[in-house]
């Protein structure tokens, strides 16, 4: 497969080019190594495409996971405790989960709620999410997950890999696509979300 479109938010691509060019090369190599034709294994049952071979999100995710794992990219989990007190949240967000809990309890927050987020692949504080799911999953990645990892000091950059509209038209209905999600980011203004991002559109 190949990268045909990209969108750099808050100098996301520029950060990669200056500080992690080898990491960027690895990501490009992984994408180029994906044999899209062999992953058209899902037989559509939808009326408009009945019987047609479509890209399988499950198989695509397996292929990406295998290739990234072979290059020592690993899943990362960020654990945290929830508080609705903005001041306490801002002071505790950079602490470890255990430290957050102790800090919140010391400030009168009894039984703070534990939660976590995890991201597909992380290496050298660069996170990559490969997303072939519904629209809501991408919005969560871009506006919640990457931002949480960034605020918590786990990553310096979030990368989202999405199918282009051309590729998405060869998948089941409801799959998010590059053009639509970039439009959603652009519509929020230049500084939202407040985390450097690189969104990549791929196709066969």
Protein backbone atom coordinates (compact mmCIF):
# COMPACT_ATOMS: atom_id res chain seq x y z
CA UNK A 1 0.00 0.00 0.00
CA UNK A 2 1.08 3.61 -0.24
CA UNK A 3 0.61 6.98 1.41
CA UNK A 4 -1.26 9.22 -1.00
CA UNK A 5 -2.37 11.99 1.35
CA UNK A 6 -1.15 13.50 4.61
CA UNK A 7 -2.14 16.27 6.97
CA UNK A 8 0.23 17.77 9.52
CA UNK A 9 -1.41 19.38 12.56
CA UNK A 10 0.65 21.64 14.84
CA UNK A 11 3.83 20.74 12.91
CA UNK A 12 3.45 17.00 13.44
CA UNK A 13 5.26 15.97 10.25
CA UNK A 14 7.90 18.64 10.73
CA UNK A 15 8.64 17.25 14.19
CA UNK A 16 9.16 13.78 12.70
CA UNK A 17 11.38 15.02 9.89
CA UNK A 18 13.65 16.96 12.26
CA UNK A 19 13.75 14.72 15.33
CA UNK A 20 12.85 11.20 14.14
CA UNK A 21 13.47 10.74 10.40
CA UNK A 22 14.29 7.04 10.89
CA UNK A 23 11.00 6.47 12.70
CA UNK A 24 9.18 8.15 9.81
CA UNK A 25 11.01 5.89 7.36
CA UNK A 26 9.94 2.84 9.38
CA UNK A 27 6.30 3.87 9.24
CA UNK A 28 6.54 4.37 5.48
CA UNK A 29 8.23 0.96 5.12
CA UNK A 30 5.47 -0.77 7.07
CA UNK A 31 2.76 0.79 4.92
CA UNK A 32 4.64 -0.06 1.72
CA UNK A 33 4.97 -3.67 2.89
CA UNK A 34 1.21 -4.20 3.17
CA UNK A 35 -0.13 -6.24 0.25
CA UNK A 36 -3.59 -4.75 -0.06
CA UNK A 37 -4.75 -7.10 -2.81
CA UNK A 38 -4.24 -10.14 -0.59
CA UNK A 39 -6.37 -8.56 2.15
CA UNK A 40 -9.54 -8.29 0.07
CA UNK A 41 -10.95 -11.29 1.87
CA UNK A 42 -14.29 -10.04 3.12
CA UNK A 43 -17.29 -10.99 0.98
CA UNK A 44 -19.86 -8.23 1.13
CA UNK A 45 -23.47 -8.94 2.06
CA UNK A 46 -24.56 -5.35 1.59
CA UNK A 47 -27.12 -4.78 -1.16
CA UNK A 48 -25.02 -2.24 -3.04
CA UNK A 49 -21.92 -4.48 -3.07
CA UNK A 50 -23.29 -7.99 -2.54
CA UNK A 51 -20.76 -10.70 -3.35
CA UNK A 52 -17.91 -8.26 -3.89
CA UNK A 53 -14.52 -8.84 -2.26
CA UNK A 54 -13.74 -6.02 0.14
CA UNK A 55 -10.77 -5.14 2.31
CA UNK A 56 -10.97 -6.91 5.64
CA UNK A 57 -10.33 -4.56 8.60
CA UNK A 58 -9.42 -7.57 10.75
CA UNK A 59 -6.79 -8.79 8.30
CA UNK A 60 -5.45 -5.28 7.72
CA UNK A 61 -4.99 -4.80 11.46
CA UNK A 62 -3.23 -8.16 11.77
CA UNK A 63 -0.83 -7.26 8.97
CA UNK A 64 0.02 -3.89 10.51
CA UNK A 65 0.46 -5.39 13.96
CA UNK A 66 2.85 -8.05 12.66
CA UNK A 67 5.00 -5.54 10.79
CA UNK A 68 5.14 -2.92 13.55
CA UNK A 69 5.84 -5.52 16.23
CA UNK A 70 8.73 -6.90 14.16
CA UNK A 71 10.25 -3.40 14.29
CA UNK A 72 9.90 -3.19 18.09
CA UNK A 73 6.83 -1.01 18.26
CA UNK A 74 4.74 -1.89 21.30
CA UNK A 75 1.28 -1.25 22.66
CA UNK A 76 1.28 1.35 25.41
CA UNK A 77 -1.18 1.77 28.25
CA UNK A 78 -1.72 5.01 30.17
CA UNK A 79 -3.32 4.57 33.60
CA UNK A 80 -4.90 7.48 35.42
CA UNK A 81 -7.47 8.54 38.03
CA UNK A 82 -10.45 10.74 37.25
CA UNK A 83 -11.27 13.97 39.03
CA UNK A 84 -13.72 16.68 38.00
CA UNK A 85 -11.76 19.31 39.91
CA UNK A 86 -9.90 21.11 37.11
CA UNK A 87 -7.13 22.44 39.36
CA UNK A 88 -6.40 19.01 40.85
CA UNK A 89 -6.56 17.42 37.40
CA UNK A 90 -4.02 19.86 35.96
CA UNK A 91 -1.65 19.31 38.88
CA UNK A 92 -1.91 15.52 38.85
CA UNK A 93 -1.98 14.66 35.15
CA UNK A 94 1.81 14.36 34.86
CA UNK A 95 2.07 11.97 37.84
CA UNK A 96 2.04 8.18 37.72
CA UNK A 97 -1.30 6.50 38.40
CA UNK A 98 -0.27 5.61 41.95
CA UNK A 99 0.89 9.14 42.62
CA UNK A 100 -2.31 10.54 41.14
CA UNK A 101 -4.45 8.44 43.46
CA UNK A 102 -2.45 9.47 46.54
CA UNK A 103 -2.49 13.13 45.49
CA UNK A 104 -6.25 13.17 44.93
CA UNK A 105 -6.95 11.40 48.21
CA UNK A 106 -4.73 13.90 50.04
CA UNK A 107 -6.90 16.67 48.61
CA UNK A 108 -10.20 15.21 49.73
CA UNK A 109 -11.10 13.07 46.70
CA UNK A 110 -12.23 9.84 48.33
CA UNK A 111 -12.25 6.73 46.14
CA UNK A 112 -11.10 8.38 42.87
CA UNK A 113 -12.17 6.48 39.77
CA UNK A 114 -9.46 4.47 38.01
CA UNK A 115 -9.35 4.43 34.20
CA UNK A 116 -6.93 3.84 31.35
CA UNK A 117 -6.35 4.23 27.62
CA UNK A 118 -4.14 2.21 25.34
CA UNK A 119 -2.68 2.92 21.96
CA UNK A 120 -1.68 0.45 19.23
CA UNK A 121 2.00 1.19 18.68
CA UNK A 122 4.49 3.40 20.50
CA UNK A 123 8.22 3.88 19.94
CA UNK A 124 10.49 6.74 21.04
CA UNK A 125 7.43 8.65 22.30
CA UNK A 126 5.73 8.46 18.89
CA UNK A 127 2.27 6.84 18.86
CA UNK A 128 0.70 5.25 15.79
CA UNK A 129 -2.97 4.32 15.61
CA UNK A 130 -4.03 2.30 12.56
CA UNK A 131 -7.76 2.82 12.27
CA UNK A 132 -10.13 0.89 10.01
CA UNK A 133 -13.10 1.27 12.30
CA UNK A 134 -16.19 3.44 12.54
CA UNK A 135 -16.12 7.24 12.61
CA UNK A 136 -16.47 7.45 16.40
CA UNK A 137 -13.26 5.49 16.98
CA UNK A 138 -11.19 7.96 14.96
CA UNK A 139 -12.71 10.97 16.74
CA UNK A 140 -11.83 9.34 20.06
CA UNK A 141 -8.25 8.74 18.89
CA UNK A 142 -7.75 12.31 17.68
CA UNK A 143 -9.58 14.29 20.32
CA UNK A 144 -9.15 12.12 23.43
CA UNK A 145 -6.55 9.36 23.26
CA UNK A 146 -3.60 11.11 21.56
CA UNK A 147 -4.23 14.23 23.64
CA UNK A 148 -4.32 12.26 26.90
CA UNK A 149 -1.05 10.48 26.12
CA UNK A 150 0.51 13.79 25.09
CA UNK A 151 -0.64 15.62 28.23
CA UNK A 152 0.60 12.74 30.35
CA UNK A 153 4.08 12.95 28.81
CA UNK A 154 3.85 9.48 27.24
CA UNK A 155 4.15 10.73 23.64
CA UNK A 156 5.33 13.80 21.76
CA UNK A 157 3.36 13.07 18.59
CA UNK A 158 0.29 11.12 17.57
CA UNK A 159 -0.01 9.55 14.11
CA UNK A 160 -3.30 8.30 12.68
CA UNK A 161 -3.29 5.97 9.65
CA UNK A 162 -6.60 5.99 7.75
CA UNK A 163 -7.90 4.71 4.43
CA UNK A 164 -8.53 7.38 1.81
CA UNK A 165 -12.04 7.75 0.42
CA UNK A 166 -10.90 5.70 -2.59
CA UNK A 167 -9.90 2.79 -0.35
CA UNK A 168 -12.86 3.22 1.98
CA UNK A 169 -15.21 2.77 -0.98
CA UNK A 170 -13.83 -0.78 -1.17
CA UNK A 171 -14.74 -1.52 2.46
CA UNK A 172 -17.95 -2.08 4.40
CA UNK A 173 -20.10 0.99 4.99
CA UNK A 174 -19.46 3.20 8.01
CA UNK A 175 -15.65 3.09 7.93
CA UNK A 176 -13.94 6.41 8.63
CA UNK A 177 -11.77 7.88 5.87
CA UNK A 178 -8.92 10.38 5.62
CA UNK A 179 -10.66 13.26 3.88
CA UNK A 180 -13.63 13.28 6.24
CA UNK A 181 -11.56 13.10 9.42
CA UNK A 182 -9.09 15.78 8.29
CA UNK A 183 -12.06 18.02 7.51
CA UNK A 184 -13.33 17.45 11.07
CA UNK A 185 -9.95 18.48 12.51
CA UNK A 186 -9.64 21.54 10.27
CA UNK A 187 -13.15 22.66 11.19
CA UNK A 188 -12.16 22.89 14.87
CA UNK A 189 -9.55 25.59 14.16
CA UNK A 190 -5.78 25.70 13.95
CA UNK A 191 -5.03 24.75 17.57
CA UNK A 192 -7.61 22.04 18.29
CA UNK A 193 -6.87 19.40 19.39
CA UNK A 194 -3.84 20.82 21.26
CA UNK A 195 -1.49 17.97 20.35
CA UNK A 196 0.87 17.55 17.34
CA UNK A 197 -0.64 15.08 14.89
CA UNK A 198 0.19 13.54 11.54
CA UNK A 199 -2.76 11.99 9.70
CA UNK A 200 -1.85 9.67 6.82
CA UNK A 201 -4.22 8.56 4.07
CA UNK A 202 -3.36 5.21 2.50
CA UNK A 203 -4.64 3.15 -0.42
CA UNK A 204 -3.54 0.32 -2.68
